[in-house]
C-alpha cells in the first residue's frame, strides 16, 4: 500500500466505457495497489446511457454538468455538489450532460471478490 497521493485534475485521462451514442469514461485513481478497502476516481458521462448493476457500494459526487441516474422506480437528476449513494445490487442507467463525478466504491476488489449477502 502507498502513502498519501495527490491526483491533479489536469493530468486525468479517461478510459472509454460503453458504446455510442455519446461518450463515457472512467479514470480509476485508487485501486487495490493503493488501498485494501476502497476504490475511487473520476467518471464522465455525456450524451450516453449506460445500463449497469453495481455489485459494490458506490458514492458519487457530481463535480460538473448534470448527472442523471435512471432507476427502476424513479430518475435522479443531480448537479454540482450533489451526492448520491448507491447500495450494492442497485440496477440503473448512468446518463449525463457533460457530467464529471468523483466516485468511491467498496470493496476495492469488487471485480474479484463478492461480499457475502446480508
PDB file of N, CA and C in Angstrom:
ATOM      1  N   UNK A   1       0.834  -1.177   0.000  1.00  0.00           N
ATOM      2  CA  UNK A   1       0.000   0.000   0.000  1.00  0.00           C
ATOM      3  C   UNK A   1       0.883   1.245   0.000  1.00  0.00           C
ATOM      4  N   UNK A   2       0.351   2.309  -0.504  1.00  0.00           N
ATOM      5  CA  UNK A   2       1.118   3.541  -0.637  1.00  0.00           C
ATOM      6  C   UNK A   2       0.697   4.563   0.415  1.00  0.00           C
ATOM      7  N   UNK A   3       1.426   5.665   0.477  1.00  0.00           N
ATOM      8  CA  UNK A   3       1.105   6.760   1.386  1.00  0.00           C
ATOM      9  C   UNK A   3       0.131   7.730   0.734  1.00  0.00           C
ATOM     10  N   UNK A   4       0.168   8.956   1.187  1.00  0.00           N
ATOM     11  CA  UNK A   4      -0.719   9.996   0.690  1.00  0.00           C
ATOM     12  C   UNK A   4      -0.453  10.250  -0.796  1.00  0.00           C
ATOM     13  N   UNK A   5      -1.527  10.341  -1.575  1.00  0.00           N
ATOM     14  CA  UNK A   5      -1.422  10.595  -3.007  1.00  0.00           C
ATOM     15  C   UNK A   5      -2.175  11.874  -3.356  1.00  0.00           C
ATOM     16  N   UNK A   6      -1.720  12.574  -4.375  1.00  0.00           N
ATOM     17  CA  UNK A   6      -2.379  13.784  -4.853  1.00  0.00           C
ATOM     18  C   UNK A   6      -2.562  13.638  -6.353  1.00  0.00           C
ATOM     19  N   UNK A   7      -3.807  13.605  -6.801  1.00  0.00           N
ATOM     20  CA  UNK A   7      -4.109  13.465  -8.220  1.00  0.00           C
ATOM     21  C   UNK A   7      -4.536  14.829  -8.755  1.00  0.00           C
ATOM     22  N   UNK A   8      -3.847  15.342  -9.747  1.00  0.00           N
ATOM     23  CA  UNK A   8      -4.174  16.637 -10.352  1.00  0.00           C
ATOM     24  C   UNK A   8      -5.188  16.432 -11.468  1.00  0.00           C
ATOM     25  N   UNK A   9      -6.266  17.193 -11.427  1.00  0.00           N
ATOM     26  CA  UNK A   9      -7.337  17.084 -12.420  1.00  0.00           C
ATOM     27  C   UNK A   9      -6.791  17.260 -13.840  1.00  0.00           C
ATOM     28  N   UNK A  10      -5.848  18.172 -14.027  1.00  0.00           N
ATOM     29  CA  UNK A  10      -5.316  18.432 -15.367  1.00  0.00           C
ATOM     30  C   UNK A  10      -4.564  17.238 -15.950  1.00  0.00           C
ATOM     31  N   UNK A  11      -4.174  16.278 -15.102  1.00  0.00           N
ATOM     32  CA  UNK A  11      -3.441  15.102 -15.563  1.00  0.00           C
ATOM     33  C   UNK A  11      -4.324  13.870 -15.746  1.00  0.00           C
ATOM     34  N   UNK A  12      -5.613  14.009 -15.476  1.00  0.00           N
ATOM     35  CA  UNK A  12      -6.525  12.864 -15.544  1.00  0.00           C
ATOM     36  C   UNK A  12      -6.870  12.533 -16.991  1.00  0.00           C
ATOM     37  N   UNK A  13      -6.768  11.256 -17.340  1.00  0.00           N
ATOM     38  CA  UNK A  13      -7.239  10.782 -18.635  1.00  0.00           C
ATOM     39  C   UNK A  13      -8.305   9.725 -18.388  1.00  0.00           C
ATOM     40  N   UNK A  14      -9.377   9.807 -19.156  1.00  0.00           N
ATOM     41  CA  UNK A  14     -10.499   8.892 -19.004  1.00  0.00           C
ATOM     42  C   UNK A  14     -10.378   7.749 -20.002  1.00  0.00           C
ATOM     43  N   UNK A  15     -10.511   6.522 -19.503  1.00  0.00           N
ATOM     44  CA  UNK A  15     -10.590   5.354 -20.374  1.00  0.00           C
ATOM     45  C   UNK A  15     -12.042   5.223 -20.826  1.00  0.00           C
ATOM     46  N   UNK A  16     -12.278   5.077 -22.130  1.00  0.00           N
ATOM     47  CA  UNK A  16     -13.653   4.998 -22.618  1.00  0.00           C
ATOM     48  C   UNK A  16     -14.385   3.783 -22.054  1.00  0.00           C
ATOM     49  N   UNK A  17     -15.675   3.986 -21.748  1.00  0.00           N
ATOM     50  CA  UNK A  17     -16.558   2.885 -21.344  1.00  0.00           C
ATOM     51  C   UNK A  17     -17.855   3.030 -22.129  1.00  0.00           C
ATOM     52  N   UNK A  18     -18.585   1.929 -22.282  1.00  0.00           N
ATOM     53  CA  UNK A  18     -19.849   1.978 -23.003  1.00  0.00           C
ATOM     54  C   UNK A  18     -19.646   2.100 -24.499  1.00  0.00           C
ATOM     55  N   UNK A  19     -20.772   2.275 -25.178  1.00  0.00           N
ATOM     56  CA  UNK A  19     -20.787   2.375 -26.639  1.00  0.00           C
ATOM     57  C   UNK A  19     -21.533   3.627 -27.056  1.00  0.00           C
ATOM     58  N   UNK A  20     -21.272   4.116 -28.287  1.00  0.00           N
ATOM     59  CA  UNK A  20     -22.021   5.274 -28.762  1.00  0.00           C
ATOM     60  C   UNK A  20     -23.522   4.956 -28.772  1.00  0.00           C
ATOM     61  N   UNK A  21     -24.390   5.924 -28.742  1.00  0.00           N
ATOM     62  CA  UNK A  21     -24.083   7.341 -28.897  1.00  0.00           C
ATOM     63  C   UNK A  21     -23.534   7.944 -27.611  1.00  0.00           C
ATOM     64  N   UNK A  22     -22.986   9.118 -27.741  1.00  0.00           N
ATOM     65  CA  UNK A  22     -22.424   9.815 -26.598  1.00  0.00           C
ATOM     66  C   UNK A  22     -21.085   9.225 -26.204  1.00  0.00           C
ATOM     67  N   UNK A  23     -20.584   9.708 -25.070  1.00  0.00           N
ATOM     68  CA  UNK A  23     -19.319   9.163 -24.587  1.00  0.00           C
ATOM     69  C   UNK A  23     -19.335   9.105 -23.065  1.00  0.00           C
ATOM     70  N   UNK A  24     -18.569   8.171 -22.574  1.00  0.00           N
ATOM     71  CA  UNK A  24     -18.425   7.977 -21.131  1.00  0.00           C
ATOM     72  C   UNK A  24     -16.998   7.516 -20.889  1.00  0.00           C
ATOM     73  N   UNK A  25     -16.491   7.814 -19.703  1.00  0.00           N
ATOM     74  CA  UNK A  25     -15.138   7.418 -19.392  1.00  0.00           C
ATOM     75  C   UNK A  25     -14.926   7.238 -17.907  1.00  0.00           C
ATOM     76  N   UNK A  26     -13.878   6.522 -17.593  1.00  0.00           N
ATOM     77  CA  UNK A  26     -13.537   6.207 -16.218  1.00  0.00           C
ATOM     78  C   UNK A  26     -12.044   6.473 -16.020  1.00  0.00           C
ATOM     79  N   UNK A  27     -11.715   7.148 -14.929  1.00  0.00           N
ATOM     80  CA  UNK A  27     -10.325   7.393 -14.556  1.00  0.00           C
ATOM     81  C   UNK A  27     -10.137   6.853 -13.144  1.00  0.00           C
ATOM     82  N   UNK A  28      -9.824   5.566 -13.053  1.00  0.00           N
ATOM     83  CA  UNK A  28      -9.600   4.938 -11.748  1.00  0.00           C
ATOM     84  C   UNK A  28      -8.302   5.491 -11.174  1.00  0.00           C
ATOM     85  N   UNK A  29      -8.360   5.961  -9.926  1.00  0.00           N
ATOM     86  CA  UNK A  29      -7.181   6.549  -9.317  1.00  0.00           C
ATOM     87  C   UNK A  29      -6.729   5.798  -8.069  1.00  0.00           C
ATOM     88  N   UNK A  30      -7.681   5.274  -7.329  1.00  0.00           N
ATOM     89  CA  UNK A  30      -7.349   4.477  -6.151  1.00  0.00           C
ATOM     90  C   UNK A  30      -7.903   3.079  -6.377  1.00  0.00           C
ATOM     91  N   UNK A  31      -7.024   2.094  -6.346  1.00  0.00           N
ATOM     92  CA  UNK A  31      -7.416   0.710  -6.555  1.00  0.00           C
ATOM     93  C   UNK A  31      -6.703  -0.181  -5.559  1.00  0.00           C
ATOM     94  N   UNK A  32      -6.693  -1.483  -5.803  1.00  0.00           N
ATOM     95  CA  UNK A  32      -6.069  -2.420  -4.876  1.00  0.00           C
ATOM     96  C   UNK A  32      -4.591  -2.141  -4.611  1.00  0.00           C
ATOM     97  N   UNK A  33      -3.894  -1.491  -5.523  1.00  0.00           N
ATOM     98  CA  UNK A  33      -2.481  -1.181  -5.294  1.00  0.00           C
ATOM     99  C   UNK A  33      -2.303  -0.075  -4.254  1.00  0.00           C
ATOM    100  N   UNK A  34      -3.350   0.738  -4.065  1.00  0.00           N
ATOM    101  CA  UNK A  34      -3.257   1.849  -3.130  1.00  0.00           C
ATOM    102  C   UNK A  34      -4.040   1.623  -1.829  1.00  0.00           C
ATOM    103  N   UNK A  35      -5.067   0.778  -1.870  1.00  0.00           N
ATOM    104  CA  UNK A  35      -5.934   0.607  -0.698  1.00  0.00           C
ATOM    105  C   UNK A  35      -6.416  -0.835  -0.593  1.00  0.00           C
ATOM    106  N   UNK A  36      -6.564  -1.311   0.608  1.00  0.00           N
ATOM    107  CA  UNK A  36      -7.122  -2.653   0.841  1.00  0.00           C
ATOM    108  C   UNK A  36      -8.640  -2.629   0.897  1.00  0.00           C
ATOM    109  N   UNK A  37      -9.249  -1.448   1.023  1.00  0.00           N
ATOM    110  CA  UNK A  37     -10.681  -1.384   1.288  1.00  0.00           C
ATOM    111  C   UNK A  37     -11.528  -0.677   0.245  1.00  0.00           C
ATOM    112  N   UNK A  38     -11.095   0.474  -0.242  1.00  0.00           N
ATOM    113  CA  UNK A  38     -11.968   1.234  -1.136  1.00  0.00           C
ATOM    114  C   UNK A  38     -11.261   1.656  -2.406  1.00  0.00           C
ATOM    115  N   UNK A  39     -12.068   1.895  -3.447  1.00  0.00           N
ATOM    116  CA  UNK A  39     -11.565   2.401  -4.707  1.00  0.00           C
ATOM    117  C   UNK A  39     -12.166   3.771  -4.957  1.00  0.00           C
ATOM    118  N   UNK A  40     -11.510   4.581  -5.780  1.00  0.00           N
ATOM    119  CA  UNK A  40     -12.021   5.913  -6.074  1.00  0.00           C
ATOM    120  C   UNK A  40     -11.423   6.418  -7.377  1.00  0.00           C
ATOM    121  N   UNK A  41     -12.085   7.411  -7.935  1.00  0.00           N
ATOM    122  CA  UNK A  41     -11.606   8.034  -9.154  1.00  0.00           C
ATOM    123  C   UNK A  41     -12.635   8.996  -9.697  1.00  0.00           C
ATOM    124  N   UNK A  42     -12.498   9.298 -10.979  1.00  0.00           N
ATOM    125  CA  UNK A  42     -13.421  10.189 -11.665  1.00  0.00           C
ATOM    126  C   UNK A  42     -14.112   9.429 -12.787  1.00  0.00           C
ATOM    127  N   UNK A  43     -15.331   9.840 -13.096  1.00  0.00           N
ATOM    128  CA  UNK A  43     -16.067   9.277 -14.221  1.00  0.00           C
ATOM    129  C   UNK A  43     -16.751  10.426 -14.945  1.00  0.00           C
ATOM    130  N   UNK A  44     -17.033  10.213 -16.242  1.00  0.00           N
ATOM    131  CA  UNK A  44     -17.713  11.243 -17.019  1.00  0.00           C
ATOM    132  C   UNK A  44     -18.751  10.596 -17.930  1.00  0.00           C
ATOM    133  N   UNK A  45     -19.867  11.326 -18.109  1.00  0.00           N
ATOM    134  CA  UNK A  45     -20.978  10.853 -18.931  1.00  0.00           C
ATOM    135  C   UNK A  45     -21.505  12.029 -19.735  1.00  0.00           C
ATOM    136  N   UNK A  46     -21.580  11.873 -21.060  1.00  0.00           N
ATOM    137  CA  UNK A  46     -22.081  12.946 -21.899  1.00  0.00           C
ATOM    138  C   UNK A  46     -22.845  12.368 -23.084  1.00  0.00           C
ATOM    139  N   UNK A  47     -24.157  12.548 -23.059  1.00  0.00           N
ATOM    140  CA  UNK A  47     -24.994  12.089 -24.165  1.00  0.00           C
ATOM    141  C   UNK A  47     -25.076  10.590 -24.299  1.00  0.00           C
ATOM    142  N   UNK A  48     -24.881   9.869 -23.214  1.00  0.00           N
ATOM    143  CA  UNK A  48     -24.863   8.406 -23.261  1.00  0.00           C
ATOM    144  C   UNK A  48     -25.911   7.836 -22.298  1.00  0.00           C
ATOM    145  N   UNK A  49     -26.113   6.530 -22.382  1.00  0.00           N
ATOM    146  CA  UNK A  49     -26.958   5.806 -21.442  1.00  0.00           C
ATOM    147  C   UNK A  49     -26.300   4.438 -21.229  1.00  0.00           C
ATOM    148  N   UNK A  50     -25.746   4.238 -20.037  1.00  0.00           N
ATOM    149  CA  UNK A  50     -25.022   3.008 -19.742  1.00  0.00           C
ATOM    150  C   UNK A  50     -25.757   2.253 -18.645  1.00  0.00           C
ATOM    151  N   UNK A  51     -26.277   1.103 -19.000  1.00  0.00           N
ATOM    152  CA  UNK A  51     -27.002   0.261 -18.047  1.00  0.00           C
ATOM    153  C   UNK A  51     -25.998  -0.538 -17.233  1.00  0.00           C
ATOM    154  N   UNK A  52     -26.234  -0.632 -15.904  1.00  0.00           N
ATOM    155  CA  UNK A  52     -25.288  -1.300 -15.021  1.00  0.00           C
ATOM    156  C   UNK A  52     -25.991  -1.683 -13.734  1.00  0.00           C
ATOM    157  N   UNK A  53     -25.557  -2.771 -13.135  1.00  0.00           N
ATOM    158  CA  UNK A  53     -25.948  -3.128 -11.779  1.00  0.00           C
ATOM    159  C   UNK A  53     -24.688  -3.091 -10.938  1.00  0.00           C
ATOM    160  N   UNK A  54     -24.666  -2.197  -9.939  1.00  0.00           N
ATOM    161  CA  UNK A  54     -23.469  -2.111  -9.100  1.00  0.00           C
ATOM    162  C   UNK A  54     -23.412  -3.335  -8.201  1.00  0.00           C
ATOM    163  N   UNK A  55     -22.253  -3.975  -8.133  1.00  0.00           N
ATOM    164  CA  UNK A  55     -22.074  -5.145  -7.259  1.00  0.00           C
ATOM    165  C   UNK A  55     -21.147  -4.766  -6.117  1.00  0.00           C
ATOM    166  N   UNK A  56     -21.247  -3.505  -5.732  1.00  0.00           N
ATOM    167  CA  UNK A  56     -20.445  -2.898  -4.674  1.00  0.00           C
ATOM    168  C   UNK A  56     -21.252  -1.724  -4.161  1.00  0.00           C
ATOM    169  N   UNK A  57     -20.874  -1.151  -3.050  1.00  0.00           N
ATOM    170  CA  UNK A  57     -21.460   0.099  -2.599  1.00  0.00           C
ATOM    171  C   UNK A  57     -20.725   1.219  -3.337  1.00  0.00           C
ATOM    172  N   UNK A  58     -21.471   2.225  -3.797  1.00  0.00           N
ATOM    173  CA  UNK A  58     -20.869   3.317  -4.545  1.00  0.00           C
ATOM    174  C   UNK A  58     -21.428   4.660  -4.084  1.00  0.00           C
ATOM    175  N   UNK A  59     -20.558   5.634  -3.997  1.00  0.00           N
ATOM    176  CA  UNK A  59     -20.963   7.001  -3.731  1.00  0.00           C
ATOM    177  C   UNK A  59     -20.465   7.859  -4.882  1.00  0.00           C
ATOM    178  N   UNK A  60     -21.332   8.742  -5.383  1.00  0.00           N
ATOM    179  CA  UNK A  60     -20.981   9.660  -6.457  1.00  0.00           C
ATOM    180  C   UNK A  60     -21.126  11.092  -5.971  1.00  0.00           C
ATOM    181  N   UNK A  61     -20.178  11.941  -6.306  1.00  0.00           N
ATOM    182  CA  UNK A  61     -20.273  13.367  -6.050  1.00  0.00           C
ATOM    183  C   UNK A  61     -20.159  14.051  -7.407  1.00  0.00           C
ATOM    184  N   UNK A  62     -21.200  14.768  -7.796  1.00  0.00           N
ATOM    185  CA  UNK A  62     -21.187  15.456  -9.082  1.00  0.00           C
ATOM    186  C   UNK A  62     -20.296  16.692  -8.969  1.00  0.00           C
ATOM    187  N   UNK A  63     -19.315  16.797  -9.849  1.00  0.00           N
ATOM    188  CA  UNK A  63     -18.398  17.935  -9.865  1.00  0.00           C
ATOM    189  C   UNK A  63     -18.759  18.948 -10.941  1.00  0.00           C
ATOM    190  N   UNK A  64     -19.212  18.451 -12.102  1.00  0.00           N
ATOM    191  CA  UNK A  64     -19.527  19.311 -13.240  1.00  0.00           C
ATOM    192  C   UNK A  64     -20.724  18.734 -13.984  1.00  0.00           C
ATOM    193  N   UNK A  65     -21.467  19.591 -14.664  1.00  0.00           N
ATOM    194  CA  UNK A  65     -22.542  19.159 -15.539  1.00  0.00           C
ATOM    195  C   UNK A  65     -23.742  18.612 -14.801  1.00  0.00           C
ATOM    196  N   UNK A  66     -24.504  17.782 -15.526  1.00  0.00           N
ATOM    197  CA  UNK A  66     -25.718  17.189 -14.972  1.00  0.00           C
ATOM    198  C   UNK A  66     -25.642  15.671 -15.099  1.00  0.00           C
ATOM    199  N   UNK A  67     -25.794  14.973 -13.979  1.00  0.00           N
ATOM    200  CA  UNK A  67     -25.824  13.508 -13.958  1.00  0.00           C
ATOM    201  C   UNK A  67     -27.267  13.070 -13.767  1.00  0.00           C
ATOM    202  N   UNK A  68     -27.655  12.074 -14.533  1.00  0.00           N
ATOM    203  CA  UNK A  68     -28.991  11.502 -14.406  1.00  0.00           C
ATOM    204  C   UNK A  68     -28.827  10.008 -14.176  1.00  0.00           C
ATOM    205  N   UNK A  69     -29.449   9.506 -13.125  1.00  0.00           N
ATOM    206  CA  UNK A  69     -29.474   8.069 -12.861  1.00  0.00           C
ATOM    207  C   UNK A  69     -30.909   7.605 -13.010  1.00  0.00           C
ATOM    208  N   UNK A  70     -31.127   6.726 -13.971  1.00  0.00           N
ATOM    209  CA  UNK A  70     -32.442   6.158 -14.196  1.00  0.00           C
ATOM    210  C   UNK A  70     -32.514   4.876 -13.393  1.00  0.00           C
ATOM    211  N   UNK A  71     -33.360   4.867 -12.376  1.00  0.00           N
ATOM    212  CA  UNK A  71     -33.559   3.694 -11.522  1.00  0.00           C
ATOM    213  C   UNK A  71     -34.849   3.008 -11.931  1.00  0.00           C
ATOM    214  N   UNK A  72     -35.154   1.865 -11.337  1.00  0.00           N
ATOM    215  CA  UNK A  72     -36.390   1.152 -11.670  1.00  0.00           C
ATOM    216  C   UNK A  72     -37.635   1.967 -11.321  1.00  0.00           C
ATOM    217  N   UNK A  73     -37.582   2.713 -10.231  1.00  0.00           N
ATOM    218  CA  UNK A  73     -38.773   3.400  -9.743  1.00  0.00           C
ATOM    219  C   UNK A  73     -38.740   4.918  -9.844  1.00  0.00           C
ATOM    220  N   UNK A  74     -37.603   5.495 -10.268  1.00  0.00           N
ATOM    221  CA  UNK A  74     -37.504   6.951 -10.368  1.00  0.00           C
ATOM    222  C   UNK A  74     -36.233   7.328 -11.105  1.00  0.00           C
ATOM    223  N   UNK A  75     -36.130   8.606 -11.412  1.00  0.00           N
ATOM    224  CA  UNK A  75     -34.921   9.154 -12.034  1.00  0.00           C
ATOM    225  C   UNK A  75     -34.373  10.236 -11.122  1.00  0.00           C
ATOM    226  N   UNK A  76     -33.077  10.177 -10.871  1.00  0.00           N
ATOM    227  CA  UNK A  76     -32.410  11.190 -10.062  1.00  0.00           C
ATOM    228  C   UNK A  76     -31.666  12.118 -11.006  1.00  0.00           C
ATOM    229  N   UNK A  77     -31.911  13.420 -10.873  1.00  0.00           N
ATOM    230  CA  UNK A  77     -31.178  14.441 -11.627  1.00  0.00           C
ATOM    231  C   UNK A  77     -30.285  15.152 -10.620  1.00  0.00           C
ATOM    232  N   UNK A  78     -28.991  15.162 -10.855  1.00  0.00           N
ATOM    233  CA  UNK A  78     -28.051  15.739  -9.886  1.00  0.00           C
ATOM    234  C   UNK A  78     -27.098  16.705 -10.580  1.00  0.00           C
ATOM    235  N   UNK A  79     -26.747  17.757  -9.853  1.00  0.00           N
ATOM    236  CA  UNK A  79     -25.824  18.759 -10.368  1.00  0.00           C
ATOM    237  C   UNK A  79     -24.634  18.917  -9.444  1.00  0.00           C
ATOM    238  N   UNK A  80     -23.763  19.867  -9.755  1.00  0.00           N
ATOM    239  CA  UNK A  80     -22.538  20.073  -8.973  1.00  0.00           C
ATOM    240  C   UNK A  80     -22.811  20.208  -7.475  1.00  0.00           C
ATOM    241  N   UNK A  81     -22.059  19.420  -6.700  1.00  0.00           N
ATOM    242  CA  UNK A  81     -22.189  19.419  -5.243  1.00  0.00           C
ATOM    243  C   UNK A  81     -23.136  18.369  -4.708  1.00  0.00           C
ATOM    244  N   UNK A  82     -23.967  17.777  -5.572  1.00  0.00           N
ATOM    245  CA  UNK A  82     -24.903  16.742  -5.123  1.00  0.00           C
ATOM    246  C   UNK A  82     -24.168  15.426  -4.902  1.00  0.00           C
ATOM    247  N   UNK A  83     -24.625  14.681  -3.896  1.00  0.00           N
ATOM    248  CA  UNK A  83     -24.037  13.387  -3.528  1.00  0.00           C
ATOM    249  C   UNK A  83     -25.105  12.318  -3.684  1.00  0.00           C
ATOM    250  N   UNK A  84     -24.739  11.190  -4.272  1.00  0.00           N
ATOM    251  CA  UNK A  84     -25.664  10.065  -4.460  1.00  0.00           C
ATOM    252  C   UNK A  84     -25.030   8.819  -3.874  1.00  0.00           C
ATOM    253  N   UNK A  85     -25.810   8.079  -3.104  1.00  0.00           N
ATOM    254  CA  UNK A  85     -25.394   6.807  -2.515  1.00  0.00           C
ATOM    255  C   UNK A  85     -26.113   5.685  -3.257  1.00  0.00           C
ATOM    256  N   UNK A  86     -25.369   4.686  -3.725  1.00  0.00           N
ATOM    257  CA  UNK A  86     -25.918   3.526  -4.424  1.00  0.00           C
ATOM    258  C   UNK A  86     -25.523   2.260  -3.679  1.00  0.00           C
ATOM    259  N   UNK A  87     -26.473   1.617  -3.005  1.00  0.00           N
ATOM    260  CA  UNK A  87     -26.124   0.380  -2.317  1.00  0.00           C
ATOM    261  C   UNK A  87     -25.892  -0.762  -3.305  1.00  0.00           C
ATOM    262  N   UNK A  88     -25.126  -1.718  -2.867  1.00  0.00           N
ATOM    263  CA  UNK A  88     -24.842  -2.919  -3.648  1.00  0.00           C
ATOM    264  C   UNK A  88     -26.127  -3.492  -4.237  1.00  0.00           C
ATOM    265  N   UNK A  89     -26.036  -3.987  -5.476  1.00  0.00           N
ATOM    266  CA  UNK A  89     -27.121  -4.619  -6.224  1.00  0.00           C
ATOM    267  C   UNK A  89     -28.160  -3.637  -6.754  1.00  0.00           C
ATOM    268  N   UNK A  90     -27.800  -2.363  -6.888  1.00  0.00           N
ATOM    269  CA  UNK A  90     -28.703  -1.382  -7.488  1.00  0.00           C
ATOM    270  C   UNK A  90     -28.548  -1.419  -9.008  1.00  0.00           C
ATOM    271  N   UNK A  91     -29.681  -1.613  -9.700  1.00  0.00           N
ATOM    272  CA  UNK A  91     -29.701  -1.527 -11.160  1.00  0.00           C
ATOM    273  C   UNK A  91     -29.974  -0.083 -11.552  1.00  0.00           C
ATOM    274  N   UNK A  92     -29.306   0.397 -12.614  1.00  0.00           N
ATOM    275  CA  UNK A  92     -29.548   1.762 -13.069  1.00  0.00           C
ATOM    276  C   UNK A  92     -29.009   1.951 -14.469  1.00  0.00           C
ATOM    277  N   UNK A  93     -29.258   3.155 -14.985  1.00  0.00           N
ATOM    278  CA  UNK A  93     -28.607   3.638 -16.191  1.00  0.00           C
ATOM    279  C   UNK A  93     -27.927   4.942 -15.813  1.00  0.00           C
ATOM    280  N   UNK A  94     -26.621   5.024 -16.097  1.00  0.00           N
ATOM    281  CA  UNK A  94     -25.883   6.271 -15.923  1.00  0.00           C
ATOM    282  C   UNK A  94     -26.103   7.098 -17.190  1.00  0.00           C
ATOM    283  N   UNK A  95     -26.555   8.331 -17.034  1.00  0.00           N
ATOM    284  CA  UNK A  95     -26.715   9.241 -18.154  1.00  0.00           C
ATOM    285  C   UNK A  95     -26.183  10.596 -17.722  1.00  0.00           C
ATOM    286  N   UNK A  96     -25.877  11.460 -18.657  1.00  0.00           N
ATOM    287  CA  UNK A  96     -25.391  12.769 -18.256  1.00  0.00           C
ATOM    288  C   UNK A  96     -25.249  13.732 -19.398  1.00  0.00           C
ATOM    289  N   UNK A  97     -25.097  14.970 -19.013  1.00  0.00           N
ATOM    290  CA  UNK A  97     -24.817  16.052 -19.948  1.00  0.00           C
ATOM    291  C   UNK A  97     -23.570  16.756 -19.421  1.00  0.00           C
ATOM    292  N   UNK A  98     -22.439  16.434 -20.047  1.00  0.00           N
ATOM    293  CA  UNK A  98     -21.136  16.967 -19.624  1.00  0.00           C
ATOM    294  C   UNK A  98     -20.902  16.752 -18.122  1.00  0.00           C
ATOM    295  N   UNK A  99     -21.344  15.596 -17.631  1.00  0.00           N
ATOM    296  CA  UNK A  99     -21.200  15.270 -16.204  1.00  0.00           C
ATOM    297  C   UNK A  99     -19.816  14.714 -15.909  1.00  0.00           C
ATOM    298  N   UNK A 100     -19.202  15.250 -14.866  1.00  0.00           N
ATOM    299  CA  UNK A 100     -17.961  14.697 -14.324  1.00  0.00           C
ATOM    300  C   UNK A 100     -18.230  14.477 -12.838  1.00  0.00           C
ATOM    301  N   UNK A 101     -17.947  13.273 -12.364  1.00  0.00           N
ATOM    302  CA  UNK A 101     -18.219  12.905 -10.971  1.00  0.00           C
ATOM    303  C   UNK A 101     -16.984  12.273 -10.342  1.00  0.00           C
ATOM    304  N   UNK A 102     -16.903  12.409  -9.046  1.00  0.00           N
ATOM    305  CA  UNK A 102     -15.950  11.656  -8.247  1.00  0.00           C
ATOM    306  C   UNK A 102     -16.718  10.455  -7.707  1.00  0.00           C
ATOM    307  N   UNK A 103     -16.125   9.287  -7.776  1.00  0.00           N
ATOM    308  CA  UNK A 103     -16.781   8.100  -7.237  1.00  0.00           C
ATOM    309  C   UNK A 103     -15.894   7.433  -6.198  1.00  0.00           C
ATOM    310  N   UNK A 104     -16.553   6.755  -5.279  1.00  0.00           N
ATOM    311  CA  UNK A 104     -15.864   5.893  -4.316  1.00  0.00           C
ATOM    312  C   UNK A 104     -16.633   4.582  -4.267  1.00  0.00           C
ATOM    313  N   UNK A 105     -15.910   3.461  -4.268  1.00  0.00           N
ATOM    314  CA  UNK A 105     -16.554   2.146  -4.213  1.00  0.00           C
ATOM    315  C   UNK A 105     -15.942   1.299  -3.107  1.00  0.00           C
ATOM    316  N   UNK A 106     -16.787   0.405  -2.578  1.00  0.00           N
ATOM    317  CA  UNK A 106     -16.341  -0.569  -1.584  1.00  0.00           C
ATOM    318  C   UNK A 106     -17.027  -1.890  -1.906  1.00  0.00           C
ATOM    319  N   UNK A 107     -16.305  -2.970  -1.966  1.00  0.00           N
ATOM    320  CA  UNK A 107     -14.873  -3.124  -1.719  1.00  0.00           C
ATOM    321  C   UNK A 107     -14.052  -2.753  -2.946  1.00  0.00           C
ATOM    322  N   UNK A 108     -12.797  -2.452  -2.717  1.00  0.00           N
ATOM    323  CA  UNK A 108     -11.909  -2.044  -3.792  1.00  0.00           C
ATOM    324  C   UNK A 108     -11.737  -3.156  -4.831  1.00  0.00           C
ATOM    325  N   UNK A 109     -11.744  -4.387  -4.406  1.00  0.00           N
ATOM    326  CA  UNK A 109     -11.522  -5.527  -5.304  1.00  0.00           C
ATOM    327  C   UNK A 109     -12.833  -6.175  -5.750  1.00  0.00           C
ATOM    328  N   UNK A 110     -13.851  -5.358  -5.989  1.00  0.00           N
ATOM    329  CA  UNK A 110     -15.180  -5.853  -6.340  1.00  0.00           C
ATOM    330  C   UNK A 110     -15.173  -6.745  -7.582  1.00  0.00           C
ATOM    331  N   UNK A 111     -14.198  -6.570  -8.467  1.00  0.00           N
ATOM    332  CA  UNK A 111     -14.156  -7.382  -9.680  1.00  0.00           C
ATOM    333  C   UNK A 111     -13.774  -8.833  -9.407  1.00  0.00           C
ATOM    334  N   UNK A 112     -13.104  -9.080  -8.289  1.00  0.00           N
ATOM    335  CA  UNK A 112     -12.662 -10.444  -7.986  1.00  0.00           C
ATOM    336  C   UNK A 112     -13.273 -11.001  -6.718  1.00  0.00           C
ATOM    337  N   UNK A 113     -13.814 -10.159  -5.858  1.00  0.00           N
ATOM    338  CA  UNK A 113     -14.346 -10.604  -4.575  1.00  0.00           C
ATOM    339  C   UNK A 113     -15.737 -10.067  -4.369  1.00  0.00           C
ATOM    340  N   UNK A 114     -16.673 -10.957  -4.164  1.00  0.00           N
ATOM    341  CA  UNK A 114     -18.037 -10.532  -3.852  1.00  0.00           C
ATOM    342  C   UNK A 114     -18.230 -10.629  -2.343  1.00  0.00           C
ATOM    343  N   UNK A 115     -18.873  -9.636  -1.762  1.00  0.00           N
ATOM    344  CA  UNK A 115     -19.168  -9.696  -0.333  1.00  0.00           C
ATOM    345  C   UNK A 115     -20.321 -10.667  -0.110  1.00  0.00           C
ATOM    346  N   UNK A 116     -20.338 -11.324   1.037  1.00  0.00           N
ATOM    347  CA  UNK A 116     -21.476 -12.201   1.326  1.00  0.00           C
ATOM    348  C   UNK A 116     -22.736 -11.368   1.480  1.00  0.00           C
ATOM    349  N   UNK A 117     -23.855 -11.887   0.997  1.00  0.00           N
ATOM    350  CA  UNK A 117     -25.144 -11.209   1.146  1.00  0.00           C
ATOM    351  C   UNK A 117     -25.530 -11.154   2.610  1.00  0.00           C
ATOM    352  N   UNK A 118     -26.061 -10.012   3.032  1.00  0.00           N
ATOM    353  CA  UNK A 118     -26.509  -9.871   4.419  1.00  0.00           C
ATOM    354  C   UNK A 118     -28.002  -9.818   4.520  1.00  0.00           C
TER     355      UNK A 118
END
